[in-house]
Protein backbone atom coordinates (compact mmCIF):
# COMPACT_ATOMS: atom_id res chain seq x y z
CA MET A 1 6.99 -1.60 -3.69
CA LEU A 2 7.54 -3.54 -6.89
CA GLU A 3 4.66 -3.68 -9.38
CA ARG A 4 6.34 -4.59 -12.68
CA TYR A 5 9.74 -5.82 -13.80
CA VAL A 6 11.82 -7.08 -16.72
CA LEU A 7 12.58 -10.79 -16.89
CA PRO A 8 15.89 -12.00 -18.39
CA ASP A 9 16.00 -15.07 -20.62
CA GLN A 10 16.32 -18.47 -19.00
CA LEU A 11 19.92 -19.14 -20.04
CA ALA A 12 21.11 -15.83 -18.59
CA ALA A 13 19.31 -16.54 -15.31
CA GLU A 14 20.85 -20.01 -15.07
CA ARG A 15 24.34 -18.61 -15.68
CA GLU A 16 23.82 -16.11 -12.87
CA PHE A 17 22.34 -18.43 -10.25
CA MET A 18 23.48 -21.91 -11.38
CA PRO A 19 20.59 -23.86 -9.79
CA ALA A 20 21.32 -27.53 -9.12
CA ARG A 21 17.90 -28.47 -10.50
CA CYS A 22 15.79 -26.60 -13.07
CA TRP A 23 12.04 -27.18 -13.11
CA TRP A 24 11.28 -23.86 -14.74
CA GLN A 25 10.72 -22.78 -18.32
CA PHE A 26 10.46 -19.14 -19.38
CA SER A 27 11.68 -16.54 -21.86
CA ALA A 28 12.63 -12.87 -21.62
CA ARG A 29 9.78 -10.42 -20.97
CA TYR A 30 9.62 -6.64 -20.56
CA ASN A 31 6.46 -6.25 -18.51
CA VAL A 32 6.03 -8.91 -15.83
CA ALA A 33 3.05 -8.26 -13.57
CA PRO A 34 1.18 -10.07 -10.79
CA PRO A 35 -0.50 -12.56 -10.55
CA GLN A 36 1.57 -14.09 -13.35
CA TYR A 37 3.86 -17.06 -12.69
CA VAL A 38 7.51 -16.04 -12.43
CA PRO A 39 10.82 -17.92 -12.09
CA ALA A 40 12.34 -18.17 -8.61
CA ILE A 41 15.37 -19.78 -6.98
CA ARG A 42 14.93 -21.55 -3.63
CA ILE A 43 16.56 -24.27 -1.54
CA HIS A 44 14.96 -27.73 -1.42
CA ASP A 45 16.61 -30.80 0.12
CA ARG A 46 19.75 -28.67 0.63
CA GLN A 47 20.05 -27.95 -3.10
CA SER A 48 19.09 -24.90 -5.12
CA GLU A 49 16.28 -25.28 -7.60
CA GLY A 50 14.72 -23.05 -10.21
CA MET A 51 10.95 -23.19 -10.43
CA MET A 52 7.87 -21.16 -11.37
CA MET A 53 5.76 -19.49 -8.67
CA ARG A 54 2.68 -17.31 -8.66
CA TRP A 55 3.58 -13.67 -7.97
CA GLY A 56 1.20 -12.72 -5.19
CA LEU A 57 1.67 -14.75 -2.03
CA ILE A 58 -1.21 -16.96 -0.84
CA PRO A 59 -0.61 -17.90 2.83
CA GLY A 60 -0.56 -21.55 3.77
CA TRP A 61 -3.66 -21.07 5.95
CA ALA A 62 -5.69 -19.53 3.10
CA GLU A 63 -6.49 -22.94 1.55
CA GLY A 64 -5.42 -21.82 -1.90
CA LYS A 65 -7.80 -18.85 -2.02
CA PRO A 66 -6.18 -15.57 -3.18
CA GLY A 67 -7.07 -12.73 -0.86
CA ASP A 68 -5.36 -9.34 -0.79
CA PRO A 69 -2.76 -8.85 -3.57
CA ASN A 70 0.27 -9.82 -1.47
CA ILE A 71 2.87 -8.90 -4.07
CA SER A 72 5.37 -7.28 -1.68
CA VAL A 73 6.16 -6.88 2.00
CA ASP A 74 8.32 -4.40 3.87
CA ILE A 75 11.18 -6.02 5.78
CA ASP A 76 10.15 -4.08 8.90
CA GLU A 77 6.67 -5.65 8.86
CA ILE A 78 7.60 -9.32 8.42
CA ASP A 79 7.97 -10.29 12.09
CA ASP A 80 4.47 -9.10 13.04
CA SER A 81 2.61 -10.12 9.87
CA LYS A 82 0.06 -12.94 9.94
CA THR A 83 0.71 -13.50 6.24
CA TYR A 84 4.53 -13.44 6.20
CA ARG A 85 5.70 -14.36 9.70
CA THR A 86 5.55 -18.15 9.15
CA PRO A 87 7.36 -18.18 5.76
CA TRP A 88 9.99 -15.90 7.29
CA LEU A 89 10.61 -18.03 10.36
CA GLU A 90 10.49 -21.24 8.31
CA SER A 91 13.22 -19.86 6.01
CA GLN A 92 10.91 -20.02 2.97
CA ARG A 93 13.02 -17.49 1.10
CA CYS A 94 13.67 -17.29 -2.61
CA ILE A 95 15.31 -15.05 -5.21
CA LEU A 96 13.62 -13.68 -8.33
CA PRO A 97 15.91 -13.28 -11.39
CA VAL A 98 15.45 -9.74 -12.72
CA ALA A 99 16.95 -7.63 -15.52
CA GLY A 100 15.44 -4.36 -14.26
CA PHE A 101 12.27 -3.03 -12.66
CA TYR A 102 9.79 -0.19 -12.97
CA THR A 103 8.73 2.34 -10.41
CA TRP A 104 6.47 5.39 -10.46
CA ARG A 105 6.60 8.93 -9.13
CA LEU A 106 3.50 11.05 -8.58
CA ASN A 107 4.35 14.56 -9.85
CA ARG A 108 2.77 17.90 -8.96
CA HIS A 109 0.24 17.46 -11.76
CA ARG A 110 -0.95 14.19 -10.15
CA TYR A 111 0.53 12.17 -12.99
CA ARG A 112 2.36 8.91 -12.22
CA GLN A 113 5.56 9.05 -14.26
CA PRO A 114 7.08 5.60 -14.73
CA TYR A 115 10.83 5.00 -14.41
CA PHE A 116 13.00 2.02 -15.29
CA ALA A 117 15.77 1.08 -12.84
CA GLN A 118 18.62 -1.35 -13.40
CA VAL A 119 21.96 -2.40 -11.94
CA ASN A 120 25.06 -1.16 -13.76
CA ASN A 121 26.97 -3.75 -15.80
CA ARG A 122 24.68 -6.63 -14.77
CA SER A 123 22.15 -8.04 -17.23
CA VAL A 124 20.69 -10.24 -14.46
CA PHE A 125 20.45 -9.65 -10.72
CA GLY A 126 18.46 -11.08 -7.84
CA ILE A 127 15.62 -9.63 -5.76
CA ALA A 128 14.79 -11.11 -2.36
CA ALA A 129 11.37 -12.70 -1.92
CA LEU A 130 9.40 -15.00 0.39
CA TRP A 131 7.31 -17.97 -0.72
CA ASP A 132 4.55 -20.10 0.71
CA ARG A 133 2.60 -23.23 -0.20
CA SER A 134 -1.18 -23.33 0.06
CA GLU A 135 -3.46 -26.30 -0.60
CA SER A 136 -7.14 -25.99 -1.43
CA GLY A 137 -9.83 -28.29 -0.07
CA GLY A 138 -9.78 -30.08 -3.42
CA GLY A 139 -6.08 -30.86 -3.14
CA ASP A 140 -4.82 -28.24 -5.60
CA VAL A 141 -1.47 -26.80 -4.48
CA THR A 142 -0.30 -23.25 -5.18
CA GLU A 143 3.24 -22.08 -4.49
CA SER A 144 3.47 -18.33 -4.54
CA CYS A 145 5.83 -15.49 -3.62
CA ALA A 146 6.07 -11.86 -2.59
CA VAL A 147 8.95 -9.42 -3.03
CA VAL A 148 10.71 -8.03 0.05
CA CYS A 149 11.13 -4.24 0.14
CA VAL A 150 13.60 -2.03 2.02
CA ALA A 151 14.25 1.69 2.34
CA ALA A 152 15.07 3.28 -1.03
CA ASN A 153 18.66 4.28 -1.76
CA GLU A 154 19.53 7.86 -2.71
CA LEU A 155 18.92 7.28 -6.42
CA LEU A 156 15.45 5.80 -6.11
CA ALA A 157 14.45 8.16 -3.31
CA ARG A 158 14.68 10.92 -5.95
CA VAL A 159 12.29 9.17 -8.34
CA LEU A 160 9.84 7.58 -5.90
CA THR A 161 6.83 9.07 -4.18
CA PRO A 162 7.50 9.22 -0.40
CA PRO A 163 7.66 7.14 1.70
CA ALA A 164 10.19 5.67 -0.72
CA ARG A 165 10.73 1.90 -0.61
CA MET A 166 12.55 -0.28 -3.13
CA PRO A 167 12.78 -4.02 -3.81
CA ALA A 168 15.62 -5.67 -1.90
CA VAL A 169 18.31 -6.07 -4.59
CA LEU A 170 20.86 -8.65 -3.48
CA ARG A 171 24.60 -8.53 -3.97
CA ARG A 172 25.98 -11.78 -5.40
CA ARG A 173 27.88 -12.45 -2.17
CA ASP A 174 24.56 -12.36 -0.29
CA TYR A 175 22.68 -14.96 -2.35
CA ASP A 176 23.63 -17.80 0.01
CA ALA A 177 22.91 -15.79 3.14
CA TRP A 178 19.42 -15.01 1.89
CA LEU A 179 18.64 -18.55 0.77
CA LYS A 180 20.42 -20.60 3.45
CA GLY A 181 21.12 -18.35 6.42
CA THR A 182 19.25 -17.90 9.68
CA PRO A 183 16.62 -15.14 9.80
CA VAL A 184 19.23 -12.89 11.44
CA GLN A 185 21.78 -13.59 8.69
CA ALA A 186 19.17 -13.19 5.98
CA LYS A 187 17.96 -9.85 7.31
CA ALA A 188 21.56 -8.60 7.50
CA ALA A 189 21.85 -9.19 3.73
CA LEU A 190 19.00 -6.78 3.03
CA GLU A 191 20.58 -3.36 2.76
CA PRO A 192 19.54 -0.65 0.31
CA TYR A 193 21.59 -1.38 -2.81
CA ASN A 194 24.42 1.09 -3.42
CA ALA A 195 22.98 4.00 -5.43
CA GLY A 196 26.25 4.38 -7.34
CA TRP A 197 25.80 0.87 -8.74
CA MET A 198 22.40 1.65 -10.28
CA GLN A 199 20.78 3.92 -12.84
CA ALA A 200 17.20 4.97 -13.52
CA HIS A 201 15.42 6.91 -16.27
CA ALA A 202 11.89 7.94 -17.20
CA VAL A 203 10.05 5.68 -19.65
CA SER A 204 6.84 5.73 -21.65
CA PRO A 205 3.47 5.30 -19.88
CA ARG A 206 2.90 2.38 -22.24
CA ILE A 207 4.23 0.27 -19.38
CA ASN A 208 0.92 0.86 -17.60
CA ALA A 209 -0.81 -1.50 -20.04
CA ILE A 210 -0.20 -5.12 -19.06
CA THR A 211 -0.56 -6.15 -22.71
CA ALA A 212 2.53 -4.11 -23.71
CA ASP A 213 5.66 -6.26 -23.80
CA ASP A 214 8.55 -5.14 -26.03
CA PRO A 215 12.07 -3.62 -25.73
CA ASP A 216 10.79 -0.08 -26.34
CA LEU A 217 9.27 -0.10 -22.85
CA ILE A 218 12.68 0.42 -21.23
CA ARG A 219 13.92 3.15 -23.58
CA PRO A 220 14.40 6.64 -22.05
CA VAL A 221 11.85 9.35 -22.85
C-alpha cells in the first residue's frame, strides 16, 4: 500500500513522460498524501495528457460522493471489485510521476518506523494507477485515481510489515503497455520491480505529519 510519496518538479516529470498535452501545474513536494490532487498521465483521444486528479478514487456510480479512502488496490483484487472492475475493463489506467515513496514497518515495540524507497539513478519514475470520473447530482465532476499494488520485491519485503505489498513501479518500456494495452497486456507489465534497482532507508517520523514538507524528510536516520 502507498500512503505518502515524493513528487518531482513539473519539468522533470514532463521530460520523463513527454505528454502530448499538459493540463497540469505542480511543483516538487516531499510529503504528498491523499486526498490531495496529484499529477497523472493518461491517454485521451489517442494522445497522452498530463492532468491533476484527486488521490482517492471515487467510483463513477458514487455520484461524486467520497466513500471509503480508495487510495490503492491490489492487482489481484481488481477483477472482482465493484469499485475498480469498471475502470480496469474500460482501460482507465494512468501513471503517477514519482521521485520516491514512503512505507512503514511495525517493529517489535509496536512502533511504525517509516522508510523512504527510491529507484537507483532515476530522479523520476512512474507508478501504475487507475482512474475514474464521477459526477454529482449538481453536475460537479471529479476525476480521481488509486495506486495499483503488487507483491513486494525482496528489498521492500524486508522493510514492510507482512503481508508485504508495494506500489507497482513501472519500467520505462512498460509505460505504453500500461496506458494503451489490453487488460492482459497491462497486467503483464505489473511485476515486482527488481530489488537490485532500488534502495530504501529509515527516515524521521516527521513524515507522519501531513504539514511537514521539506528535503530533510528523505534523509537517512
